[in-house]
């Protein structure tokens, strides 16, 4: 479960804070480890329910499902 990182809501600090206006936002303060990635809420919670189902909207990109996997952490 430590492979999934969450995004900060206000990475530049509290709203209206004078500090950090000119400093670039840092995404991560420690080095990246193999397998780490950001968790996204724009994902199917149960990917196995959507496996092998094509998108029905014209021009939609194909889902990136793995034909050999029926579950993916942290959803399994």
C-alpha atoms as a PDB file:
ATOM      1  CA  UNK A   1       0.000   0.000   0.000  1.00  0.00           C
ATOM      2  CA  UNK A   2       2.990   2.326   0.366  1.00  0.00           C
ATOM      3  CA  UNK A   3       3.410   2.429  -3.398  1.00  0.00           C
ATOM      4  CA  UNK A   4       0.417   4.754  -3.779  1.00  0.00           C
ATOM      5  CA  UNK A   5       0.932   8.438  -3.013  1.00  0.00           C
ATOM      6  CA  UNK A   6      -1.826  10.986  -2.471  1.00  0.00           C
ATOM      7  CA  UNK A   7      -1.755  14.500  -3.834  1.00  0.00           C
ATOM      8  CA  UNK A   8      -1.721  17.429  -1.460  1.00  0.00           C
ATOM      9  CA  UNK A   9      -4.824  19.593  -1.593  1.00  0.00           C
ATOM     10  CA  UNK A  10      -2.898  22.856  -1.208  1.00  0.00           C
ATOM     11  CA  UNK A  11       0.771  22.099  -1.944  1.00  0.00           C
ATOM     12  CA  UNK A  12       1.700  25.791  -1.952  1.00  0.00           C
ATOM     13  CA  UNK A  13       0.328  26.300   1.585  1.00  0.00           C
ATOM     14  CA  UNK A  14      -2.890  27.700   3.056  1.00  0.00           C
ATOM     15  CA  UNK A  15      -5.006  29.974   0.895  1.00  0.00           C
ATOM     16  CA  UNK A  16      -3.791  33.558   1.192  1.00  0.00           C
ATOM     17  CA  UNK A  17      -0.480  32.640   2.808  1.00  0.00           C
ATOM     18  CA  UNK A  18       2.245  35.128   1.836  1.00  0.00           C
ATOM     19  CA  UNK A  19       5.043  32.547   1.842  1.00  0.00           C
ATOM     20  CA  UNK A  20       5.751  30.337  -1.126  1.00  0.00           C
ATOM     21  CA  UNK A  21       4.208  32.535  -3.800  1.00  0.00           C
ATOM     22  CA  UNK A  22       7.336  32.527  -5.945  1.00  0.00           C
ATOM     23  CA  UNK A  23       8.696  29.082  -5.027  1.00  0.00           C
ATOM     24  CA  UNK A  24       7.893  26.162  -7.354  1.00  0.00           C
ATOM     25  CA  UNK A  25       5.702  23.380  -5.977  1.00  0.00           C
ATOM     26  CA  UNK A  26       7.547  20.162  -5.131  1.00  0.00           C
ATOM     27  CA  UNK A  27       5.599  16.968  -5.719  1.00  0.00           C
ATOM     28  CA  UNK A  28       7.681  14.749  -3.470  1.00  0.00           C
ATOM     29  CA  UNK A  29      10.311  15.465  -0.810  1.00  0.00           C
ATOM     30  CA  UNK A  30      11.931  12.004  -0.832  1.00  0.00           C
ATOM     31  CA  UNK A  31      13.441  10.073  -3.750  1.00  0.00           C
ATOM     32  CA  UNK A  32      11.134   7.939  -5.865  1.00  0.00           C
ATOM     33  CA  UNK A  33      11.157   4.197  -5.175  1.00  0.00           C
ATOM     34  CA  UNK A  34      10.388   1.505  -7.711  1.00  0.00           C
ATOM     35  CA  UNK A  35       6.640   0.967  -8.077  1.00  0.00           C
ATOM     36  CA  UNK A  36       5.561   4.246  -6.470  1.00  0.00           C
ATOM     37  CA  UNK A  37       2.873   6.260  -8.233  1.00  0.00           C
ATOM     38  CA  UNK A  38       0.168   8.741  -7.442  1.00  0.00           C
ATOM     39  CA  UNK A  39      -3.251   7.382  -6.543  1.00  0.00           C
ATOM     40  CA  UNK A  40      -5.913   8.890  -8.760  1.00  0.00           C
ATOM     41  CA  UNK A  41      -9.626   9.123  -7.970  1.00  0.00           C
ATOM     42  CA  UNK A  42     -10.326   8.989 -11.715  1.00  0.00           C
ATOM     43  CA  UNK A  43     -10.024   5.224 -11.862  1.00  0.00           C
ATOM     44  CA  UNK A  44     -12.359   2.252 -11.685  1.00  0.00           C
ATOM     45  CA  UNK A  45     -12.554   0.983  -8.138  1.00  0.00           C
ATOM     46  CA  UNK A  46     -13.290  -2.572  -9.256  1.00  0.00           C
ATOM     47  CA  UNK A  47     -11.345  -3.003 -12.476  1.00  0.00           C
ATOM     48  CA  UNK A  48     -12.371  -6.639 -12.796  1.00  0.00           C
ATOM     49  CA  UNK A  49     -15.983  -5.520 -13.375  1.00  0.00           C
ATOM     50  CA  UNK A  50     -14.876  -3.486 -16.393  1.00  0.00           C
ATOM     51  CA  UNK A  51     -12.357  -5.951 -17.802  1.00  0.00           C
ATOM     52  CA  UNK A  52     -12.722  -6.684 -21.534  1.00  0.00           C
ATOM     53  CA  UNK A  53     -15.554  -4.155 -21.912  1.00  0.00           C
ATOM     54  CA  UNK A  54     -15.008  -1.643 -24.728  1.00  0.00           C
ATOM     55  CA  UNK A  55     -15.801   2.019 -24.187  1.00  0.00           C
ATOM     56  CA  UNK A  56     -19.168   2.963 -25.649  1.00  0.00           C
ATOM     57  CA  UNK A  57     -18.524   6.646 -26.360  1.00  0.00           C
ATOM     58  CA  UNK A  58     -17.282   7.387 -29.894  1.00  0.00           C
ATOM     59  CA  UNK A  59     -13.602   8.324 -29.983  1.00  0.00           C
ATOM     60  CA  UNK A  60     -12.899   7.199 -26.409  1.00  0.00           C
ATOM     61  CA  UNK A  61      -9.467   5.713 -25.802  1.00  0.00           C
ATOM     62  CA  UNK A  62      -9.312   1.996 -24.973  1.00  0.00           C
ATOM     63  CA  UNK A  63      -9.100   1.055 -21.293  1.00  0.00           C
ATOM     64  CA  UNK A  64      -5.652   0.053 -20.095  1.00  0.00           C
ATOM     65  CA  UNK A  65      -6.633  -3.290 -18.653  1.00  0.00           C
ATOM     66  CA  UNK A  66      -4.276  -6.202 -18.301  1.00  0.00           C
ATOM     67  CA  UNK A  67      -5.676  -9.342 -19.901  1.00  0.00           C
ATOM     68  CA  UNK A  68      -3.772 -11.592 -17.468  1.00  0.00           C
ATOM     69  CA  UNK A  69      -4.737  -9.836 -14.225  1.00  0.00           C
ATOM     70  CA  UNK A  70      -8.164  -9.885 -12.572  1.00  0.00           C
ATOM     71  CA  UNK A  71      -7.284  -7.615  -9.661  1.00  0.00           C
ATOM     72  CA  UNK A  72      -4.920  -4.757  -8.928  1.00  0.00           C
ATOM     73  CA  UNK A  73      -3.774  -3.446  -5.547  1.00  0.00           C
ATOM     74  CA  UNK A  74      -5.103  -1.657  -3.567  1.00  0.00           C
ATOM     75  CA  UNK A  75      -8.471  -2.814  -4.947  1.00  0.00           C
ATOM     76  CA  UNK A  76      -8.047  -6.589  -4.683  1.00  0.00           C
END
